[in-house]
Every structure is written in structure tokens, then in C-alpha cells.
Amino acid sequence: MQELQQAFQTINWGLIAPLILIQLVLMVIAVIDLIKIKDTNGPKWVWLLVVLFINVIGPIIYFIFGRRQNG
């Protein structure tokens, strides 16, 4: 337990916190969009797994490839 506390104290949170915030914002926006959008390229449940479990890049992949383009 002491090693874990020391590890958390040595982390530079000034660099890590913005990345965590970006990840959470992208994830929330992608999940909201996934719920609202009618059609996707593939099953919605697969895109939900991609968004939730592939850090940072998952929501980006969804917005590039998952959303069905109208037109």
C-alpha cells in the first residue's frame, strides 16, 4: 500500500489531468451522439464498446468511421 501511495505522489498530475479530462469529454460526447443518432456503420453496441474501452482513440474512431454520413 505504501508503494502505491508513493507512485501516486510521483505522478505529474499537471500532465496527466488534461489527458484524463479530454478522454472523459470525448467519451461522453460520443456516447450521447451514439444514443441520439439513428443509423451507424455497424451495430451500435459494438461502437459503444469501442468508445468505452479504447482510450482516447475509441471516440475518435467512432466519429470518423462509425457515424453514417447522410448525403
PDB file of N, CA and C in Angstrom:
ATOM      1  N   MET A   1       0.833  -1.200   0.000  1.00  0.00           N
ATOM      2  CA  MET A   1       0.000   0.000   0.000  1.00  0.00           C
ATOM      3  C   MET A   1       0.869   1.252   0.000  1.00  0.00           C
ATOM      4  N   GLN A   2       1.950   1.210   0.720  1.00  0.00           N
ATOM      5  CA  GLN A   2       2.866   2.349   0.789  1.00  0.00           C
ATOM      6  C   GLN A   2       3.468   2.647  -0.587  1.00  0.00           C
ATOM      7  N   GLU A   3       3.775   1.572  -1.356  1.00  0.00           N
ATOM      8  CA  GLU A   3       4.345   1.766  -2.691  1.00  0.00           C
ATOM      9  C   GLU A   3       3.347   2.441  -3.619  1.00  0.00           C
ATOM     10  N   LEU A   4       2.083   2.067  -3.487  1.00  0.00           N
ATOM     11  CA  LEU A   4       1.042   2.662  -4.308  1.00  0.00           C
ATOM     12  C   LEU A   4       0.884   4.151  -4.003  1.00  0.00           C
ATOM     13  N   GLN A   5       0.924   4.511  -2.742  1.00  0.00           N
ATOM     14  CA  GLN A   5       0.830   5.915  -2.366  1.00  0.00           C
ATOM     15  C   GLN A   5       2.017   6.707  -2.905  1.00  0.00           C
ATOM     16  N   GLN A   6       3.200   6.124  -2.846  1.00  0.00           N
ATOM     17  CA  GLN A   6       4.386   6.800  -3.373  1.00  0.00           C
ATOM     18  C   GLN A   6       4.296   6.955  -4.885  1.00  0.00           C
ATOM     19  N   ALA A   7       3.731   5.947  -5.558  1.00  0.00           N
ATOM     20  CA  ALA A   7       3.577   6.026  -7.009  1.00  0.00           C
ATOM     21  C   ALA A   7       2.636   7.166  -7.384  1.00  0.00           C
ATOM     22  N   PHE A   8       1.531   7.317  -6.658  1.00  0.00           N
ATOM     23  CA  PHE A   8       0.601   8.401  -6.943  1.00  0.00           C
ATOM     24  C   PHE A   8       1.213   9.771  -6.644  1.00  0.00           C
ATOM     25  N   GLN A   9       2.090   9.837  -5.689  1.00  0.00           N
ATOM     26  CA  GLN A   9       2.725  11.112  -5.360  1.00  0.00           C
ATOM     27  C   GLN A   9       3.766  11.508  -6.395  1.00  0.00           C
ATOM     28  N   THR A  10       4.361  10.544  -7.080  1.00  0.00           N
ATOM     29  CA  THR A  10       5.390  10.861  -8.072  1.00  0.00           C
ATOM     30  C   THR A  10       4.819  11.163  -9.448  1.00  0.00           C
ATOM     31  N   ILE A  11       3.526  10.910  -9.653  1.00  0.00           N
ATOM     32  CA  ILE A  11       2.903  11.197 -10.952  1.00  0.00           C
ATOM     33  C   ILE A  11       2.769  12.701 -11.121  1.00  0.00           C
ATOM     34  N   ASN A  12       3.107  13.176 -12.308  1.00  0.00           N
ATOM     35  CA  ASN A  12       2.952  14.591 -12.634  1.00  0.00           C
ATOM     36  C   ASN A  12       1.509  14.826 -13.085  1.00  0.00           C
ATOM     37  N   TRP A  13       0.655  15.164 -12.126  1.00  0.00           N
ATOM     38  CA  TRP A  13      -0.767  15.324 -12.418  1.00  0.00           C
ATOM     39  C   TRP A  13      -1.047  16.502 -13.339  1.00  0.00           C
ATOM     40  N   GLY A  14      -0.133  17.458 -13.413  1.00  0.00           N
ATOM     41  CA  GLY A  14      -0.304  18.576 -14.328  1.00  0.00           C
ATOM     42  C   GLY A  14      -0.303  18.146 -15.785  1.00  0.00           C
ATOM     43  N   LEU A  15       0.361  17.039 -16.079  1.00  0.00           N
ATOM     44  CA  LEU A  15       0.374  16.494 -17.442  1.00  0.00           C
ATOM     45  C   LEU A  15      -0.723  15.461 -17.656  1.00  0.00           C
ATOM     46  N   ILE A  16      -1.027  14.690 -16.643  1.00  0.00           N
ATOM     47  CA  ILE A  16      -1.987  13.602 -16.766  1.00  0.00           C
ATOM     48  C   ILE A  16      -3.437  14.090 -16.714  1.00  0.00           C
ATOM     49  N   ALA A  17      -3.734  15.053 -15.881  1.00  0.00           N
ATOM     50  CA  ALA A  17      -5.111  15.518 -15.688  1.00  0.00           C
ATOM     51  C   ALA A  17      -5.763  16.012 -16.982  1.00  0.00           C
ATOM     52  N   PRO A  18      -5.088  16.813 -17.811  1.00  0.00           N
ATOM     53  CA  PRO A  18      -5.736  17.229 -19.064  1.00  0.00           C
ATOM     54  C   PRO A  18      -6.047  16.058 -19.994  1.00  0.00           C
ATOM     55  N   LEU A  19      -5.189  15.049 -20.025  1.00  0.00           N
ATOM     56  CA  LEU A  19      -5.456  13.880 -20.864  1.00  0.00           C
ATOM     57  C   LEU A  19      -6.674  13.110 -20.366  1.00  0.00           C
ATOM     58  N   ILE A  20      -6.793  12.981 -19.064  1.00  0.00           N
ATOM     59  CA  ILE A  20      -7.955  12.300 -18.487  1.00  0.00           C
ATOM     60  C   ILE A  20      -9.222  13.098 -18.789  1.00  0.00           C
ATOM     61  N   LEU A  21      -9.146  14.409 -18.673  1.00  0.00           N
ATOM     62  CA  LEU A  21     -10.299  15.261 -18.959  1.00  0.00           C
ATOM     63  C   LEU A  21     -10.709  15.159 -20.430  1.00  0.00           C
ATOM     64  N   ILE A  22      -9.748  15.188 -21.334  1.00  0.00           N
ATOM     65  CA  ILE A  22     -10.038  15.052 -22.768  1.00  0.00           C
ATOM     66  C   ILE A  22     -10.690  13.711 -23.044  1.00  0.00           C
ATOM     67  N   GLN A  23     -10.168  12.649 -22.450  1.00  0.00           N
ATOM     68  CA  GLN A  23     -10.738  11.310 -22.625  1.00  0.00           C
ATOM     69  C   GLN A  23     -12.187  11.276 -22.170  1.00  0.00           C
ATOM     70  N   LEU A  24     -12.462  11.824 -20.992  1.00  0.00           N
ATOM     71  CA  LEU A  24     -13.826  11.793 -20.462  1.00  0.00           C
ATOM     72  C   LEU A  24     -14.787  12.617 -21.315  1.00  0.00           C
ATOM     73  N   VAL A  25     -14.354  13.789 -21.756  1.00  0.00           N
ATOM     74  CA  VAL A  25     -15.208  14.640 -22.588  1.00  0.00           C
ATOM     75  C   VAL A  25     -15.514  13.954 -23.915  1.00  0.00           C
ATOM     76  N   LEU A  26     -14.488  13.405 -24.571  1.00  0.00           N
ATOM     77  CA  LEU A  26     -14.709  12.694 -25.828  1.00  0.00           C
ATOM     78  C   LEU A  26     -15.654  11.513 -25.644  1.00  0.00           C
ATOM     79  N   MET A  27     -15.466  10.778 -24.560  1.00  0.00           N
ATOM     80  CA  MET A  27     -16.304   9.612 -24.307  1.00  0.00           C
ATOM     81  C   MET A  27     -17.764  10.009 -24.090  1.00  0.00           C
ATOM     82  N   VAL A  28     -17.993  11.029 -23.285  1.00  0.00           N
ATOM     83  CA  VAL A  28     -19.366  11.464 -23.001  1.00  0.00           C
ATOM     84  C   VAL A  28     -20.041  11.979 -24.272  1.00  0.00           C
ATOM     85  N   ILE A  29     -19.343  12.777 -25.053  1.00  0.00           N
ATOM     86  CA  ILE A  29     -19.916  13.308 -26.292  1.00  0.00           C
ATOM     87  C   ILE A  29     -20.228  12.178 -27.270  1.00  0.00           C
ATOM     88  N   ALA A  30     -19.329  11.205 -27.391  1.00  0.00           N
ATOM     89  CA  ALA A  30     -19.543  10.086 -28.305  1.00  0.00           C
ATOM     90  C   ALA A  30     -20.725   9.228 -27.860  1.00  0.00           C
ATOM     91  N   VAL A  31     -20.853   8.963 -26.567  1.00  0.00           N
ATOM     92  CA  VAL A  31     -21.966   8.147 -26.081  1.00  0.00           C
ATOM     93  C   VAL A  31     -23.289   8.883 -26.285  1.00  0.00           C
ATOM     94  N   ILE A  32     -23.330  10.164 -26.012  1.00  0.00           N
ATOM     95  CA  ILE A  32     -24.556  10.945 -26.237  1.00  0.00           C
ATOM     96  C   ILE A  32     -24.923  10.935 -27.709  1.00  0.00           C
ATOM     97  N   ASP A  33     -23.934  11.131 -28.582  1.00  0.00           N
ATOM     98  CA  ASP A  33     -24.190  11.111 -30.025  1.00  0.00           C
ATOM     99  C   ASP A  33     -24.676   9.733 -30.457  1.00  0.00           C
ATOM    100  N   LEU A  34     -24.073   8.694 -29.928  1.00  0.00           N
ATOM    101  CA  LEU A  34     -24.450   7.331 -30.272  1.00  0.00           C
ATOM    102  C   LEU A  34     -25.892   7.033 -29.874  1.00  0.00           C
ATOM    103  N   ILE A  35     -26.320   7.565 -28.744  1.00  0.00           N
ATOM    104  CA  ILE A  35     -27.700   7.372 -28.299  1.00  0.00           C
ATOM    105  C   ILE A  35     -28.674   8.135 -29.206  1.00  0.00           C
ATOM    106  N   LYS A  36     -28.303   9.334 -29.601  1.00  0.00           N
ATOM    107  CA  LYS A  36     -29.207  10.189 -30.379  1.00  0.00           C
ATOM    108  C   LYS A  36     -29.280   9.824 -31.854  1.00  0.00           C
ATOM    109  N   ILE A  37     -28.179   9.345 -32.427  1.00  0.00           N
ATOM    110  CA  ILE A  37     -28.122   9.106 -33.855  1.00  0.00           C
ATOM    111  C   ILE A  37     -28.958   7.876 -34.224  1.00  0.00           C
ATOM    112  N   LYS A  38     -29.604   7.924 -35.381  1.00  0.00           N
ATOM    113  CA  LYS A  38     -30.481   6.842 -35.788  1.00  0.00           C
ATOM    114  C   LYS A  38     -29.695   5.676 -36.381  1.00  0.00           C
ATOM    115  N   ASP A  39     -28.799   5.938 -37.310  1.00  0.00           N
ATOM    116  CA  ASP A  39     -28.063   4.887 -38.000  1.00  0.00           C
ATOM    117  C   ASP A  39     -26.561   5.053 -37.806  1.00  0.00           C
ATOM    118  N   THR A  40     -25.883   3.920 -37.674  1.00  0.00           N
ATOM    119  CA  THR A  40     -24.428   3.908 -37.592  1.00  0.00           C
ATOM    120  C   THR A  40     -23.896   2.905 -38.607  1.00  0.00           C
ATOM    121  N   ASN A  41     -22.612   2.975 -38.881  1.00  0.00           N
ATOM    122  CA  ASN A  41     -21.965   1.986 -39.732  1.00  0.00           C
ATOM    123  C   ASN A  41     -21.611   0.786 -38.873  1.00  0.00           C
ATOM    124  N   GLY A  42     -22.541  -0.127 -38.726  1.00  0.00           N
ATOM    125  CA  GLY A  42     -22.355  -1.287 -37.871  1.00  0.00           C
ATOM    126  C   GLY A  42     -23.265  -1.190 -36.659  1.00  0.00           C
ATOM    127  N   PRO A  43     -23.270  -2.244 -35.857  1.00  0.00           N
ATOM    128  CA  PRO A  43     -24.142  -2.258 -34.673  1.00  0.00           C
ATOM    129  C   PRO A  43     -23.738  -1.207 -33.643  1.00  0.00           C
ATOM    130  N   LYS A  44     -24.741  -0.590 -33.056  1.00  0.00           N
ATOM    131  CA  LYS A  44     -24.477   0.436 -32.043  1.00  0.00           C
ATOM    132  C   LYS A  44     -23.739  -0.129 -30.840  1.00  0.00           C
ATOM    133  N   TRP A  45     -24.051  -1.362 -30.442  1.00  0.00           N
ATOM    134  CA  TRP A  45     -23.419  -1.939 -29.260  1.00  0.00           C
ATOM    135  C   TRP A  45     -21.926  -2.120 -29.459  1.00  0.00           C
ATOM    136  N   VAL A  46     -21.493  -2.410 -30.709  1.00  0.00           N
ATOM    137  CA  VAL A  46     -20.062  -2.535 -30.991  1.00  0.00           C
ATOM    138  C   VAL A  46     -19.394  -1.173 -30.859  1.00  0.00           C
ATOM    139  N   TRP A  47     -20.041  -0.139 -31.391  1.00  0.00           N
ATOM    140  CA  TRP A  47     -19.470   1.206 -31.291  1.00  0.00           C
ATOM    141  C   TRP A  47     -19.423   1.665 -29.834  1.00  0.00           C
ATOM    142  N   LEU A  48     -20.408   1.277 -29.042  1.00  0.00           N
ATOM    143  CA  LEU A  48     -20.382   1.620 -27.621  1.00  0.00           C
ATOM    144  C   LEU A  48     -19.169   0.983 -26.937  1.00  0.00           C
ATOM    145  N   LEU A  49     -18.882  -0.272 -27.243  1.00  0.00           N
ATOM    146  CA  LEU A  49     -17.701  -0.933 -26.681  1.00  0.00           C
ATOM    147  C   LEU A  49     -16.415  -0.242 -27.122  1.00  0.00           C
ATOM    148  N   VAL A  50     -16.349   0.146 -28.399  1.00  0.00           N
ATOM    149  CA  VAL A  50     -15.161   0.849 -28.910  1.00  0.00           C
ATOM    150  C   VAL A  50     -14.970   2.155 -28.158  1.00  0.00           C
ATOM    151  N   VAL A  51     -16.034   2.919 -28.008  1.00  0.00           N
ATOM    152  CA  VAL A  51     -15.955   4.220 -27.336  1.00  0.00           C
ATOM    153  C   VAL A  51     -15.554   4.056 -25.865  1.00  0.00           C
ATOM    154  N   LEU A  52     -16.101   3.074 -25.192  1.00  0.00           N
ATOM    155  CA  LEU A  52     -15.867   2.929 -23.761  1.00  0.00           C
ATOM    156  C   LEU A  52     -14.523   2.287 -23.416  1.00  0.00           C
ATOM    157  N   PHE A  53     -14.041   1.375 -24.260  1.00  0.00           N
ATOM    158  CA  PHE A  53     -12.893   0.579 -23.855  1.00  0.00           C
ATOM    159  C   PHE A  53     -11.602   0.864 -24.610  1.00  0.00           C
ATOM    160  N   ILE A  54     -11.645   1.663 -25.655  1.00  0.00           N
ATOM    161  CA  ILE A  54     -10.407   2.035 -26.343  1.00  0.00           C
ATOM    162  C   ILE A  54     -10.135   3.495 -26.002  1.00  0.00           C
ATOM    163  N   ASN A  55      -9.195   3.706 -25.116  1.00  0.00           N
ATOM    164  CA  ASN A  55      -8.920   5.040 -24.577  1.00  0.00           C
ATOM    165  C   ASN A  55      -8.571   6.050 -25.660  1.00  0.00           C
ATOM    166  N   VAL A  56      -9.094   7.226 -25.516  1.00  0.00           N
ATOM    167  CA  VAL A  56      -8.915   8.419 -26.344  1.00  0.00           C
ATOM    168  C   VAL A  56      -9.222   8.141 -27.811  1.00  0.00           C
ATOM    169  N   ILE A  57      -8.601   7.154 -28.405  1.00  0.00           N
ATOM    170  CA  ILE A  57      -8.764   6.922 -29.839  1.00  0.00           C
ATOM    171  C   ILE A  57     -10.130   6.306 -30.173  1.00  0.00           C
ATOM    172  N   GLY A  58     -10.760   5.592 -29.230  1.00  0.00           N
ATOM    173  CA  GLY A  58     -12.060   4.973 -29.475  1.00  0.00           C
ATOM    174  C   GLY A  58     -13.133   5.964 -29.899  1.00  0.00           C
ATOM    175  N   PRO A  59     -13.351   7.047 -29.143  1.00  0.00           N
ATOM    176  CA  PRO A  59     -14.342   8.037 -29.580  1.00  0.00           C
ATOM    177  C   PRO A  59     -13.973   8.695 -30.916  1.00  0.00           C
ATOM    178  N   ILE A  60     -12.694   8.897 -31.146  1.00  0.00           N
ATOM    179  CA  ILE A  60     -12.262   9.498 -32.415  1.00  0.00           C
ATOM    180  C   ILE A  60     -12.564   8.551 -33.570  1.00  0.00           C
ATOM    181  N   ILE A  61     -12.280   7.249 -33.383  1.00  0.00           N
ATOM    182  CA  ILE A  61     -12.603   6.251 -34.410  1.00  0.00           C
ATOM    183  C   ILE A  61     -14.104   6.246 -34.683  1.00  0.00           C
ATOM    184  N   TYR A  62     -14.902   6.346 -33.631  1.00  0.00           N
ATOM    185  CA  TYR A  62     -16.358   6.377 -33.813  1.00  0.00           C
ATOM    186  C   TYR A  62     -16.778   7.570 -34.662  1.00  0.00           C
ATOM    187  N   PHE A  63     -16.265   8.756 -34.347  1.00  0.00           N
ATOM    188  CA  PHE A  63     -16.681   9.938 -35.095  1.00  0.00           C
ATOM    189  C   PHE A  63     -16.210   9.887 -36.549  1.00  0.00           C
ATOM    190  N   ILE A  64     -15.091   9.255 -36.813  1.00  0.00           N
ATOM    191  CA  ILE A  64     -14.592   9.183 -38.189  1.00  0.00           C
ATOM    192  C   ILE A  64     -15.290   8.073 -38.987  1.00  0.00           C
ATOM    193  N   PHE A  65     -15.417   6.882 -38.397  1.00  0.00           N
ATOM    194  CA  PHE A  65     -15.906   5.729 -39.149  1.00  0.00           C
ATOM    195  C   PHE A  65     -17.288   5.253 -38.743  1.00  0.00           C
ATOM    196  N   GLY A  66     -17.732   5.526 -37.545  1.00  0.00           N
ATOM    197  CA  GLY A  66     -18.977   4.954 -37.042  1.00  0.00           C
ATOM    198  C   GLY A  66     -20.239   5.685 -37.442  1.00  0.00           C
ATOM    199  N   ARG A  67     -20.124   6.991 -37.556  1.00  0.00           N
ATOM    200  CA  ARG A  67     -21.314   7.772 -37.900  1.00  0.00           C
ATOM    201  C   ARG A  67     -21.611   7.612 -39.375  1.00  0.00           C
ATOM    202  N   ARG A  68     -22.841   7.331 -39.682  1.00  0.00           N
ATOM    203  CA  ARG A  68     -23.252   7.193 -41.080  1.00  0.00           C
ATOM    204  C   ARG A  68     -23.454   8.588 -41.651  1.00  0.00           C
ATOM    205  N   GLN A  69     -22.798   8.849 -42.752  1.00  0.00           N
ATOM    206  CA  GLN A  69     -22.888  10.156 -43.396  1.00  0.00           C
ATOM    207  C   GLN A  69     -24.140  10.213 -44.270  1.00  0.00           C
ATOM    208  N   ASN A  70     -24.933  11.233 -44.087  1.00  0.00           N
ATOM    209  CA  ASN A  70     -26.121  11.432 -44.920  1.00  0.00           C
ATOM    210  C   ASN A  70     -25.737  12.248 -46.141  1.00  0.00           C
ATOM    211  N   GLY A  71     -26.212  11.816 -47.290  1.00  0.00           N
ATOM    212  CA  GLY A  71     -25.934  12.608 -48.479  1.00  0.00           C
ATOM    213  C   GLY A  71     -25.247  11.819 -49.444  1.00  0.00           C
TER     214      GLY A  71
END
